[in-house]
Each structure stands twice: as C-alpha cells, then as structure tokens.
Protein backbone atom coordinates (compact mmCIF):
# COMPACT_ATOMS: atom_id res chain seq x y z
CA MET A 1 18.18 -39.74 41.72
CA SER A 2 16.94 -43.28 40.20
CA PHE A 3 14.38 -43.39 42.69
CA HIS A 4 12.72 -40.06 41.35
CA HIS A 5 13.15 -41.39 37.87
CA THR A 6 11.13 -44.47 38.95
CA MET A 7 8.13 -42.33 40.53
CA MET A 8 7.79 -40.02 37.97
CA PHE A 9 8.31 -41.98 34.77
CA ASN A 10 7.56 -45.58 35.42
CA ARG A 11 3.64 -45.27 35.20
CA PRO A 12 1.37 -47.12 32.99
CA SER A 13 1.25 -45.85 29.88
CA SER A 14 -2.62 -45.30 30.21
CA ILE A 15 -2.35 -42.80 32.43
CA ALA A 16 -0.17 -40.72 30.33
CA LEU A 17 -2.29 -41.62 27.41
CA ALA A 18 -5.70 -39.94 29.40
CA ALA A 19 -3.51 -36.93 30.23
CA ALA A 20 -2.76 -36.35 26.70
CA VAL A 21 -6.45 -36.75 26.00
CA PHE A 22 -7.35 -34.34 28.83
CA LEU A 23 -5.15 -31.78 27.40
CA SER A 24 -6.25 -32.26 23.86
CA ALA A 25 -9.89 -31.76 25.02
CA LEU A 26 -8.78 -28.72 26.77
CA SER A 27 -7.01 -27.09 24.34
CA GLY A 28 -10.31 -27.11 22.15
CA CYS A 29 -11.58 -23.88 24.24
CA THR A 30 -10.60 -20.33 23.01
CA VAL A 31 -11.26 -17.31 25.33
CA GLY A 32 -12.18 -13.88 23.75
CA PRO A 33 -15.32 -12.45 21.76
CA ASP A 34 -15.43 -14.48 18.01
CA TYR A 35 -15.25 -11.96 15.19
CA HIS A 36 -18.55 -11.96 13.23
CA GLY A 37 -17.54 -9.25 10.40
CA ALA A 38 -17.60 -5.61 10.34
CA PRO A 39 -20.29 -3.47 12.04
CA PRO A 40 -23.16 -2.39 9.41
CA VAL A 41 -22.34 1.01 7.94
CA ALA A 42 -24.26 3.20 5.39
CA GLN A 43 -26.97 0.61 4.75
CA ASP A 44 -29.00 2.71 2.67
CA ALA A 45 -26.19 3.76 0.62
CA ARG A 46 -25.11 -0.23 0.22
CA SER A 47 -28.78 -1.24 -0.82
CA SER A 48 -29.06 1.42 -3.42
CA ALA A 49 -28.54 0.76 -7.12
CA THR A 50 -26.52 3.43 -7.97
CA PHE A 51 -24.49 6.63 -6.40
CA VAL A 52 -26.50 9.49 -5.83
CA ARG A 53 -23.73 11.81 -7.94
CA ALA A 54 -24.02 9.24 -10.56
CA PRO A 55 -23.86 11.35 -13.99
CA ALA A 56 -26.39 10.45 -16.76
CA ASN A 57 -23.62 8.17 -19.12
CA ALA A 58 -22.55 5.82 -16.48
CA THR A 59 -23.41 2.26 -16.45
CA ILE A 60 -23.99 0.30 -13.28
CA ALA A 61 -21.51 -2.12 -14.58
CA THR A 62 -19.05 -3.78 -12.29
CA PRO A 63 -15.34 -2.24 -13.31
CA ALA A 64 -12.75 -4.80 -13.29
CA PRO A 65 -10.09 -4.16 -10.34
CA ASN A 66 -7.20 -3.63 -12.49
CA GLN A 67 -5.76 -1.65 -15.65
CA TRP A 68 -8.66 0.63 -16.04
CA TRP A 69 -6.11 3.08 -17.97
CA LEU A 70 -5.78 0.54 -20.91
CA ALA A 71 -8.86 2.06 -22.14
CA PHE A 72 -6.92 5.53 -22.80
CA ASN A 73 -5.45 3.42 -25.51
CA ASP A 74 -2.03 4.92 -24.96
CA PRO A 75 0.94 2.55 -24.88
CA GLN A 76 2.96 5.53 -23.70
CA LEU A 77 0.84 5.70 -20.07
CA ASN A 78 0.83 1.86 -20.16
CA ASP A 79 4.47 1.41 -19.88
CA LEU A 80 4.55 4.27 -17.17
CA ILE A 81 2.37 2.59 -15.15
CA ALA A 82 3.95 -0.91 -15.68
CA ALA A 83 7.59 1.06 -14.63
CA ALA A 84 5.50 2.53 -11.46
CA PHE A 85 4.48 -0.90 -10.15
CA ALA A 86 8.04 -2.69 -10.81
CA HIS A 87 10.31 0.47 -9.69
CA SER A 88 8.33 2.87 -7.22
CA PRO A 89 9.86 2.66 -4.00
CA ASP A 90 6.20 3.28 -2.67
CA VAL A 91 5.44 -0.42 -3.94
CA HIS A 92 8.70 -1.79 -2.66
CA ILE A 93 7.97 -0.43 0.73
CA ALA A 94 4.71 -2.14 0.84
CA GLN A 95 5.93 -5.27 -0.62
CA ALA A 96 8.51 -5.40 2.30
CA ARG A 97 5.85 -4.71 4.74
CA LEU A 98 3.88 -7.43 2.97
CA ARG A 99 6.74 -10.20 3.33
CA GLU A 100 7.14 -8.76 6.96
CA SER A 101 3.59 -9.49 8.19
CA ARG A 102 3.36 -12.97 6.43
CA SER A 103 6.94 -13.91 8.41
CA GLN A 104 5.19 -12.83 11.68
CA LEU A 105 2.20 -14.99 10.72
CA GLN A 106 4.25 -17.90 9.79
CA GLN A 107 6.38 -17.35 13.38
CA GLN A 108 2.82 -17.13 15.24
CA ARG A 109 1.88 -20.39 13.87
CA ALA A 110 5.16 -22.03 14.86
CA ASN A 111 4.05 -20.94 18.39
CA GLU A 112 1.73 -24.02 18.21
CA LEU A 113 4.55 -26.61 17.96
CA PRO A 114 6.99 -27.86 19.95
CA LYS A 115 10.45 -26.18 20.46
CA ILE A 116 13.18 -28.90 19.70
CA SER A 117 16.99 -28.12 20.09
CA GLY A 118 20.05 -30.27 20.09
CA ASP A 119 23.00 -30.10 21.93
CA ALA A 120 26.30 -31.78 22.53
CA ALA A 121 29.44 -31.26 24.48
CA ALA A 122 32.94 -32.63 25.12
CA LEU A 123 34.42 -31.83 28.55
CA ARG A 124 37.81 -32.26 29.73
CA MET A 125 39.26 -31.57 32.94
CA ARG A 126 42.21 -31.83 35.33
CA SER A 127 41.65 -31.29 39.09
CA PRO A 128 44.51 -30.84 41.72
CA ASP A 129 45.27 -33.66 44.02
CA LEU A 130 43.21 -33.21 47.27
CA SER A 131 45.13 -35.81 49.50
CA SER A 132 48.84 -34.04 49.05
CA LEU A 133 47.24 -30.64 49.86
CA SER A 134 45.90 -31.86 52.85
CA SER A 135 49.20 -33.26 54.28
CA GLY A 136 50.94 -29.80 54.21
CA SER A 137 53.60 -31.32 51.75
CA SER A 138 55.53 -28.06 49.98
CA THR A 139 56.03 -30.36 47.01
CA ALA A 140 53.90 -29.03 43.74
CA SER A 141 51.20 -32.19 43.36
CA SER A 142 50.78 -33.95 39.89
CA GLY A 143 47.32 -34.34 40.53
CA ARG A 144 44.75 -36.70 39.01
CA GLY A 145 44.46 -37.95 35.51
CA PRO A 146 42.22 -35.76 33.15
CA LEU A 147 38.52 -36.21 33.10
CA GLN A 148 36.40 -36.58 30.28
CA LEU A 149 32.68 -36.42 29.61
CA TYR A 150 31.10 -36.27 26.24
CA THR A 151 27.08 -35.55 26.06
CA ALA A 152 24.70 -35.42 23.41
CA GLY A 153 21.26 -35.02 23.06
CA PHE A 154 17.98 -33.34 22.35
CA ASP A 155 15.35 -31.35 24.46
CA ALA A 156 11.80 -30.02 23.61
CA THR A 157 9.02 -27.84 25.22
CA TRP A 158 5.49 -27.53 24.27
CA GLU A 159 3.19 -24.86 25.62
CA ILE A 160 -0.42 -26.59 25.26
CA ASP A 161 -2.88 -23.85 24.04
CA LEU A 162 -5.61 -24.66 26.80
CA PHE A 163 -7.46 -21.38 26.30
CA GLY A 164 -6.91 -20.44 22.90
CA GLY A 165 -4.32 -17.86 23.47
CA THR A 166 -1.96 -18.61 21.16
CA ARG A 167 -4.77 -19.25 18.58
CA ARG A 168 -6.02 -15.74 19.08
CA ALA A 169 -2.53 -14.47 18.55
CA ILE A 170 -2.49 -16.49 15.14
CA GLU A 171 -5.71 -15.39 14.18
CA ALA A 172 -4.72 -11.73 14.90
CA ALA A 173 -1.63 -11.96 12.74
CA SER A 174 -3.50 -13.92 9.92
CA ALA A 175 -5.69 -10.31 9.92
CA ASP A 176 -2.74 -8.26 9.95
CA ALA A 177 -0.94 -9.70 7.09
CA GLU A 178 -4.27 -9.45 4.90
CA ALA A 179 -4.75 -6.03 5.62
CA VAL A 180 -1.05 -5.08 4.96
CA ASP A 181 -1.90 -6.93 1.48
CA ALA A 182 -4.84 -4.69 1.18
CA ASP A 183 -2.34 -1.74 1.82
CA LEU A 184 -0.03 -2.61 -0.84
CA ALA A 185 -3.05 -2.77 -3.33
CA ASP A 186 -3.98 1.16 -2.15
CA THR A 187 -0.56 1.71 -2.62
CA GLN A 188 -0.82 0.60 -6.69
CA VAL A 189 -4.30 2.31 -6.70
CA SER A 190 -2.68 5.39 -5.33
CA LEU A 191 0.33 5.22 -7.67
CA ALA A 192 -1.29 4.39 -10.90
CA ALA A 193 -3.59 7.37 -10.21
CA GLU A 194 -0.73 9.34 -9.84
CA VAL A 195 0.92 8.67 -12.82
CA ALA A 196 -1.77 8.88 -15.26
CA GLN A 197 -2.49 12.63 -13.66
CA ALA A 198 1.24 13.45 -14.16
CA TYR A 199 1.10 12.01 -17.64
CA ILE A 200 -2.39 13.75 -18.85
CA GLU A 201 -0.72 17.25 -16.65
CA LEU A 202 2.51 16.56 -19.31
CA ARG A 203 0.50 16.01 -22.75
CA ASP A 204 -1.69 19.53 -21.37
CA GLN A 205 1.32 21.08 -21.01
CA GLN A 206 3.03 20.09 -24.14
CA THR A 207 -0.55 21.07 -26.13
CA ARG A 208 -0.94 24.29 -24.69
CA LEU A 209 2.90 24.95 -25.14
CA GLU A 210 2.80 24.15 -28.83
CA LEU A 211 -0.65 26.08 -29.36
CA ALA A 212 1.01 29.34 -27.53
CA ARG A 213 4.23 28.84 -29.86
CA ARG A 214 2.31 28.84 -32.96
CA GLN A 215 -0.04 32.02 -31.97
CA ALA A 216 3.36 33.86 -31.21
CA GLU A 217 4.29 32.71 -34.72
CA THR A 218 1.61 34.15 -36.17
CA GLU A 219 1.25 37.06 -34.37
CA GLN A 220 5.21 37.80 -35.35
CA LYS A 221 4.68 37.20 -38.70
CA MET A 222 1.50 40.25 -38.53
CA LEU A 223 3.86 42.49 -36.50
CA THR A 224 6.47 42.27 -39.54
CA LEU A 225 3.80 42.75 -42.12
CA THR A 226 2.80 45.79 -40.29
CA GLN A 227 5.90 46.88 -39.88
CA GLN A 228 6.54 47.03 -43.65
CA ARG A 229 3.52 48.75 -44.31
CA ARG A 230 4.48 51.41 -41.19
CA GLU A 231 7.57 51.78 -43.53
CA ARG A 232 5.31 52.04 -46.71
CA GLY A 233 3.11 54.42 -45.03
CA THR A 234 -0.18 52.61 -44.72
CA ALA A 235 0.44 51.84 -41.18
CA ALA A 236 0.25 53.78 -37.81
CA ASP A 237 3.14 53.65 -35.39
CA LEU A 238 0.10 52.70 -32.53
CA ASP A 239 -0.93 49.55 -34.76
CA VAL A 240 3.20 48.43 -34.70
CA GLU A 241 3.20 49.05 -30.48
CA ARG A 242 -0.21 46.99 -30.29
CA LEU A 243 1.08 44.06 -32.41
CA SER A 244 4.48 44.16 -30.76
CA THR A 245 2.47 43.79 -26.73
CA GLN A 246 0.56 40.96 -28.18
CA VAL A 247 3.62 38.94 -29.45
CA GLU A 248 5.00 39.68 -25.78
CA ASN A 249 2.09 38.75 -23.91
CA THR A 250 1.87 35.44 -26.02
CA ARG A 251 5.63 34.56 -25.57
CA ALA A 252 5.34 35.39 -21.94
CA THR A 253 2.88 32.43 -21.34
CA LEU A 254 5.20 29.80 -22.40
CA ILE A 255 7.84 30.45 -19.48
CA PRO A 256 5.73 29.14 -16.66
CA LEU A 257 3.86 26.50 -18.87
CA ASP A 258 7.73 25.16 -19.92
CA ALA A 259 8.49 25.36 -16.16
CA GLN A 260 5.15 23.54 -15.41
CA LEU A 261 6.33 20.93 -18.05
CA THR A 262 9.56 19.99 -16.59
CA ASP A 263 7.83 19.56 -13.11
CA SER A 264 5.71 17.00 -14.64
CA LEU A 265 8.44 15.23 -16.53
CA ASP A 266 10.49 14.94 -13.03
CA ARG A 267 7.35 13.73 -11.26
CA LEU A 268 7.04 10.91 -13.79
CA ALA A 269 10.77 9.85 -13.65
CA VAL A 270 10.07 10.01 -9.60
CA LEU A 271 7.19 8.10 -9.69
CA THR A 272 8.63 5.48 -11.71
CA GLY A 273 11.64 5.22 -9.54
CA ARG A 274 13.95 6.88 -11.55
CA GLU A 275 16.33 10.30 -11.23
CA PRO A 276 14.88 13.55 -12.49
CA GLY A 277 15.53 14.01 -16.17
CA ALA A 278 15.62 10.68 -17.02
CA LEU A 279 12.25 10.70 -18.78
CA ASP A 280 13.04 13.85 -20.83
CA GLN A 281 14.13 12.19 -24.09
CA GLN A 282 11.52 9.59 -23.80
CA LEU A 283 8.67 11.80 -23.06
CA ALA A 284 10.20 15.10 -25.48
CA SER A 285 7.29 14.93 -28.40
CA THR A 286 4.17 16.65 -27.80
CA ARG A 287 1.71 14.34 -28.33
CA PRO A 288 -2.16 14.59 -27.92
CA LEU A 289 -4.13 13.75 -24.90
CA PRO A 290 -5.33 10.44 -24.38
CA ALA A 291 -8.99 9.99 -25.56
CA LEU A 292 -11.55 9.69 -22.94
CA PRO A 293 -13.74 6.35 -22.80
CA GLY A 294 -16.91 6.49 -24.39
CA THR A 295 -18.48 4.74 -20.88
CA VAL A 296 -17.77 4.75 -17.64
CA ALA A 297 -18.50 1.42 -15.58
CA ILE A 298 -19.09 2.47 -12.24
CA GLY A 299 -21.08 -0.35 -10.65
CA ASP A 300 -22.91 0.24 -7.27
CA PRO A 301 -21.84 1.48 -4.03
CA SER A 302 -22.05 -2.22 -2.54
CA ALA A 303 -19.77 -3.40 -4.74
CA MET A 304 -17.55 -0.81 -4.46
CA LEU A 305 -17.15 -0.77 -0.88
CA GLN A 306 -16.38 -4.62 -1.29
CA GLN A 307 -13.36 -3.77 -3.26
CA ARG A 308 -11.73 -0.66 -2.06
CA PRO A 309 -8.54 -1.79 -0.56
CA ASP A 310 -8.62 0.83 1.94
CA ILE A 311 -11.64 -0.54 3.45
CA ARG A 312 -10.75 -4.18 3.30
CA ALA A 313 -7.40 -2.97 5.20
CA ALA A 314 -9.38 -1.41 7.94
CA GLU A 315 -12.03 -4.44 8.36
CA ARG A 316 -8.77 -6.85 8.80
CA ARG A 317 -7.44 -4.65 11.24
CA LEU A 318 -10.59 -4.87 13.14
CA ALA A 319 -10.72 -8.23 13.00
CA SER A 320 -7.07 -8.58 14.20
CA SER A 321 -7.70 -6.06 17.02
CA ASN A 322 -11.08 -8.36 18.18
CA ALA A 323 -8.84 -11.67 18.23
CA GLN A 324 -5.80 -9.61 20.47
CA ILE A 325 -8.59 -9.28 23.06
CA GLY A 326 -8.72 -13.02 23.46
CA GLU A 327 -5.07 -13.41 23.21
CA HIS A 328 -5.09 -11.17 26.36
CA ILE A 329 -7.79 -12.72 28.49
CA ALA A 330 -5.90 -16.10 28.13
CA ASP A 331 -3.29 -14.63 30.61
CA PHE A 332 -6.41 -14.89 33.31
CA PHE A 333 -5.61 -18.55 33.10
CA PRO A 334 -2.66 -20.88 33.80
CA LYS A 335 -0.42 -21.84 31.13
CA VAL A 336 0.96 -25.79 31.13
CA THR A 337 4.19 -26.37 29.36
CA LEU A 338 5.48 -30.00 28.73
CA LEU A 339 9.43 -30.32 29.13
CA GLY A 340 11.59 -33.52 27.67
CA ASP A 341 14.96 -34.03 27.33
CA ILE A 342 16.73 -37.29 26.08
CA GLY A 343 20.47 -37.93 25.82
CA PHE A 344 23.80 -39.75 26.02
CA SER A 345 26.69 -39.22 28.49
CA ALA A 346 29.86 -41.04 28.51
CA GLY A 347 33.49 -40.84 29.38
CA ASP A 348 34.63 -42.36 26.19
CA PRO A 349 33.31 -41.19 22.90
CA GLY A 350 33.23 -44.86 21.64
CA HIS A 351 30.79 -45.46 24.17
CA LEU A 352 28.52 -42.71 23.78
CA VAL A 353 25.45 -44.33 22.21
CA ARG A 354 25.32 -47.32 24.45
CA LYS A 355 21.93 -48.29 26.08
CA ASN A 356 23.27 -47.75 29.68
CA ASN A 357 24.49 -44.13 28.78
CA PHE A 358 21.14 -43.15 27.82
CA SER A 359 18.79 -41.08 29.75
CA TRP A 360 15.25 -39.02 29.34
CA ILE A 361 13.43 -36.91 31.69
CA GLY A 362 9.78 -35.45 31.26
CA ALA A 363 7.55 -33.17 33.22
CA PRO A 364 4.52 -30.78 32.73
CA TYR A 365 5.21 -27.34 33.85
CA LEU A 366 2.37 -25.15 35.40
CA GLN A 367 2.66 -21.55 35.42
CA TRP A 368 -0.12 -19.20 36.55
CA ASN A 369 -0.09 -15.63 37.80
CA ALA A 370 -2.88 -15.89 39.65
CA PHE A 371 -2.19 -12.35 41.21
CA ASP A 372 -0.65 -9.54 38.93
CA PHE A 373 -2.34 -7.02 40.53
CA GLY A 374 -4.75 -5.76 37.28
CA ARG A 375 -1.89 -6.08 34.50
CA THR A 376 -3.52 -8.63 32.70
CA LEU A 377 -6.95 -6.85 33.08
CA GLY A 378 -5.24 -3.80 32.04
CA SER A 379 -4.09 -5.39 29.06
CA VAL A 380 -7.53 -6.36 28.20
CA HIS A 381 -9.04 -3.09 28.61
CA ALA A 382 -6.36 -1.72 26.14
CA ALA A 383 -7.29 -4.55 23.31
CA GLU A 384 -10.99 -3.61 23.61
CA ALA A 385 -10.13 0.23 23.19
CA SER A 386 -7.92 -0.54 20.42
CA ARG A 387 -11.05 -2.88 19.00
CA ASP A 388 -13.10 0.23 19.53
CA GLU A 389 -10.94 2.69 17.75
CA ALA A 390 -10.64 -0.11 14.74
CA GLU A 391 -14.42 -0.06 14.38
CA ALA A 392 -14.46 3.65 14.34
CA ARG A 393 -11.91 3.66 11.77
CA TYR A 394 -13.73 1.18 9.57
CA THR A 395 -16.74 3.48 9.66
CA LYS A 396 -14.47 6.25 9.02
CA ALA A 397 -13.34 4.45 5.88
CA VAL A 398 -16.47 3.48 4.43
CA LEU A 399 -17.92 6.86 4.87
CA GLY A 400 -15.09 8.67 3.32
CA ALA A 401 -15.01 5.97 0.23
CA LEU A 402 -18.85 6.99 -0.43
CA GLN A 403 -18.20 10.78 0.07
CA ASP A 404 -15.10 10.37 -2.39
CA ALA A 405 -16.81 8.12 -5.12
CA ASN A 406 -19.60 10.72 -5.00
CA SER A 407 -17.86 13.68 -5.15
CA SER A 408 -15.64 11.95 -7.99
CA LEU A 409 -18.65 11.60 -10.18
CA SER A 410 -20.01 14.72 -9.43
CA ARG A 411 -16.61 16.40 -10.62
CA TYR A 412 -16.56 14.40 -13.48
CA GLY A 413 -20.25 14.82 -14.84
CA HIS A 414 -19.80 18.79 -14.25
CA GLN A 415 -16.81 18.88 -15.94
CA ARG A 416 -18.21 17.04 -18.98
CA ASP A 417 -20.55 19.23 -19.35
CA HIS A 418 -18.12 22.08 -18.92
CA VAL A 419 -16.09 21.03 -21.88
CA VAL A 420 -19.17 20.92 -24.01
CA THR A 421 -19.57 24.56 -23.08
CA LEU A 422 -15.93 25.12 -23.83
CA GLN A 423 -15.96 23.68 -27.07
CA LYS A 424 -19.01 25.66 -28.32
CA VAL A 425 -17.16 29.09 -27.38
CA GLU A 426 -14.05 27.81 -29.37
CA SER A 427 -16.10 27.11 -32.07
CA SER A 428 -17.49 30.32 -31.93
CA ALA A 429 -14.30 32.42 -31.46
CA SER A 430 -12.83 30.59 -34.36
CA HIS A 431 -15.50 31.44 -36.91
CA SER A 432 -15.16 34.99 -35.79
CA ALA A 433 -11.62 35.41 -36.26
CA THR A 434 -11.95 34.03 -39.53
CA LEU A 435 -14.62 36.42 -40.30
CA MET A 436 -12.52 39.40 -38.92
CA ARG A 437 -9.43 38.29 -40.58
CA GLN A 438 -11.61 38.32 -43.59
CA ARG A 439 -12.72 42.10 -42.87
CA TYR A 440 -9.43 43.37 -41.93
CA SER A 441 -7.95 42.12 -45.27
CA ALA A 442 -10.44 44.05 -47.21
CA GLY A 443 -9.94 47.08 -45.11
CA VAL A 444 -13.47 47.26 -43.12
CA ALA A 445 -12.16 46.01 -39.95
CA THR A 446 -9.32 47.88 -37.77
CA LEU A 447 -6.22 45.88 -36.57
CA ILE A 448 -7.63 46.49 -32.81
CA ASP A 449 -10.80 44.43 -33.88
CA LEU A 450 -8.82 42.03 -35.23
CA LEU A 451 -6.05 41.26 -32.13
CA ASP A 452 -9.13 41.22 -30.11
CA THR A 453 -10.91 38.02 -31.76
CA GLN A 454 -7.52 36.58 -31.84
CA ARG A 455 -6.98 36.66 -28.19
CA GLU A 456 -10.53 35.50 -27.91
CA GLU A 457 -9.68 32.64 -30.01
CA PHE A 458 -6.43 31.62 -28.46
CA THR A 459 -7.85 31.89 -25.23
CA ALA A 460 -10.72 29.50 -25.87
CA GLN A 461 -8.40 26.78 -27.40
CA GLN A 462 -6.23 26.98 -24.46
CA ASN A 463 -9.49 26.45 -22.26
CA VAL A 464 -10.91 23.54 -24.46
CA VAL A 465 -7.00 21.76 -23.66
CA ALA A 466 -7.00 22.58 -20.23
CA GLY A 467 -10.48 21.35 -19.92
CA GLN A 468 -10.39 18.16 -21.44
CA ALA A 469 -7.10 17.55 -19.64
CA GLU A 470 -9.37 18.18 -16.24
CA LEU A 471 -12.09 16.00 -17.53
CA LEU A 472 -9.45 13.08 -17.94
CA LYS A 473 -8.10 13.72 -14.71
CA ASP A 474 -11.47 13.76 -13.37
CA PHE A 475 -11.79 10.26 -14.73
CA VAL A 476 -8.68 9.01 -13.32
CA SER A 477 -9.66 10.51 -9.77
CA LEU A 478 -13.05 8.51 -10.44
CA GLN A 479 -11.02 5.29 -11.19
CA LYS A 480 -9.39 5.68 -7.58
CA SER A 481 -12.52 6.43 -5.71
CA LEU A 482 -13.83 3.33 -6.83
CA GLY A 483 -10.48 1.23 -5.88
CA ILE A 484 -9.69 0.09 -8.64
CA GLY A 485 -5.84 -0.24 -10.35
CA TRP A 486 -4.33 -3.23 -8.10
CA GLN A 487 -3.10 -6.35 -8.92
CA ALA A 488 -3.32 -9.40 -6.74
CA GLN A 489 -0.27 -10.73 -4.75
CA GLN A 490 1.11 -14.12 -4.88
CA GLY A 491 2.12 -16.28 -2.20
C-alpha cells in the first residue's frame, strides 16, 4: 500500500499544476447550440406605430405595467385587488412554484462546485481466541482483548465540467426560473382583471336592481291610485288588471338580478381568498359604477409584446429547451471526476490527531459511456423536438396576444359607440314618458299609452347601465390583453 501511495502522490507539484491548467482550459468548452433569442414573429405588426383595431381616442403612450385600476378612482376596488394579490390561492400557488424553480436553479449552480462530506467513527470489537479453537479444547475461551479504532476525516468529489453539460443545465434552470416568474406575473394580470370584472358586475347588478325596485314602487303607487279610481267609478277593471300585470312583470326582474348579485359577491370573496358570504356586509350598500377614464393608453404592438408575461414566459421556456440540447449532447463525451480523502485513524482517541496517523488519497476518475446503443442520441433528438415545440408555442403566444389586443380594442371602441347610442335612446324615452304622464294627467292619453312609455323608459335605463358596465369590462379586458397589472417579485 505504501508503494502505491509513493507512485501516485509523490510526484513533482508541477505535474499537478499542469494537469489543473489543462482541465481548466478544457472546461471552457460548451457543447450544444447557443441561444440567440426568439425567432422573428409578426414583424409587420411589431413595426407598426399602433394597433390595427385601435379606437380613435386611444393614445399611443405606453401604459404602466401595474395598477391600471387606480384610474377608476374606486377605493373599494383597490382594496379588493390588493386583498386578492395577498390572499388568493392562485397567487400562492404561483409563488410556491417560483420558490421551487429558484431552489432548483440553486441546486444546479451547486453542481459546479465540489461535494465535500465529513465522517467519524468509533469501532470496538472483541474477537475469539483462534488458537484455543484449533487445539480442540472444549473449555470456553476467554478470547483476546477488545480491539478499538477511531477515525475522522473528510472526502470530496468534483466532476469537472469539461464539455459544459453542467453549465447548460444551469442555463436551462435559470431560464425556467425566469419563465415561472413570468407565470406569476401572468397570474396577477388575470387575477386583477377577474376581480375588477366581478366588481363591475356587482355594481351593475346593484344599480339595475335599485332601478327595478324604484320602478316597481312607482307602478305600485299607480296601481293603488287606479284601484281607488275604480272604486269611485272613474277607472275600468281592465286598467287595474293591466297595471297589476305591469307591477308583477317588474317585480319578476328582481329575482334573477338578486341571484346574480349573490353570485358576484361569492366570486369576489373566493378571488380574495375568503369563503363565500364573507364580503356580503362590506359590499352590501349600492354604489355607482366606477368612472371610465377619459383616455386609454395602449402603446404600440412591440411594447405590448415585450411586457406581456405569457410571451416572456414562452420565450424563457424556449431558451431553457435550447440549453437542454447541449446538456444532453455533453453525455456523448467523457466525464472526469476528481476524488479526494483526508483523515486520521488511531486505536486511542487521544492519539487520533497526530502526524503519523494522518492519511490522504486523491485520484482522477474517468467515465465514458462510449457504447450506449443510441440512448444519448435519443435524448438529444427528444430535446431538439422539445425546443421546436417551445418555438411553436412562442409563435402561438405572440400571434394570440396580437389577436387578443386587437379584439379587445375593437370591442372597446364599438361598445363605447353603443353606449352613446343607448344614452340617446334613454334621453328620448325619458322625455316621452314625461310628456305622456302630463297628457295622462290631463286626460288626453290612455293608460295603455302611459304604461308603454314607462316600460320603454325603464328598459332604456336598464340598457344604459348594462351597456356602461359592459364598456367598463371591455376596458378591463383591454388592460389584460396589453399584459399589464403585475408586480415585480423580489429575490
């Protein structure tokens, strides 16, 4: 054993230094394709100054990436979105995945460094007296005294990244972590939009429910007066029946609105991480719809494609899949691992740390799967196919984002025009109802005429509220399609 140690380790230090320099030079080699960015997609749209479907009042100013909902100037909506970001299970899931991906990146980076472990042992053994057993004596032998051995030491292994397999694995893990970070941002974008739309629906339902109740009260008063007139012989039974039908029809609209309102309350509660019914008291009072901002900043297609989290995630996953090709190509080449161990051993713990009880060993270990019958080649081809899939998914994400943004802009522009028309209809219906009430009071108009104009006025009012709510939701959808509403994560 001592001769073996002399042959292996008592060489001049210049040889070890030369070997280290040689291995360091080799470690600069990295196999596999380098990543040069995502492929060009929709270049004509990227170079355009604005979106194809942009409405007339949309500005090309680039919107801020977060808190677009502040433009509504609604403190309750702000509080609900903040609560959703803090307590939504979807956000917690995305945050946990981000921590997991960052931990995996940390593990991959650690693979570049040596693995060092320590060990210690205390051995105490008693063996039989072999001489007494060989003499055939039937008397039980007392055996030899107990043997004792104490050891302590450290051992290390270091796989030298000659062909960059570990570096490609780190590159892939880093890109994956960035993709998961973008996934979290995308979750926030979707969550903010969902909370805002649910809140708008709630206020829409509350407003229309209040309109319907006031209409039912007005019609009930008319019915009471008509019943009194019938008793005096100045109104017909037919008038009473028609008014009764009108009152019941109006009251019938209250039931589905009330059910929808309950659904919106429960949806908001769950979105903010609370149980159904938890927000009933907080949001019970009827409030008007949030005010629509006067202008809409949409930026340009290129800026939108750069800030949308789902596109950033798709691009990072493309970078990761590209790096994984090199990680598998590195398996074609030999792997060199340096092994080392230092330690002390002695029969007496008091003599353990002495020069004569010190031992060490070091050795390079070469491993090369020269004949794997196509296993590595299959892994490389699978990684290349995965890269091609990621590239196609990136292309799909870009095209889908452009479609989403343009469709949202188109819906917003058309709905804005629709609301203007609905407001004109409401103004005309209200004026007609006022004139008809005057004519009915003067006795020159029938009850049927009055009821018809009141129905038209009520319907027009409901349509305006619903149209304004739809316009607000289209505004929210537009912000979501532009990829804004996320907050950068620290760490």
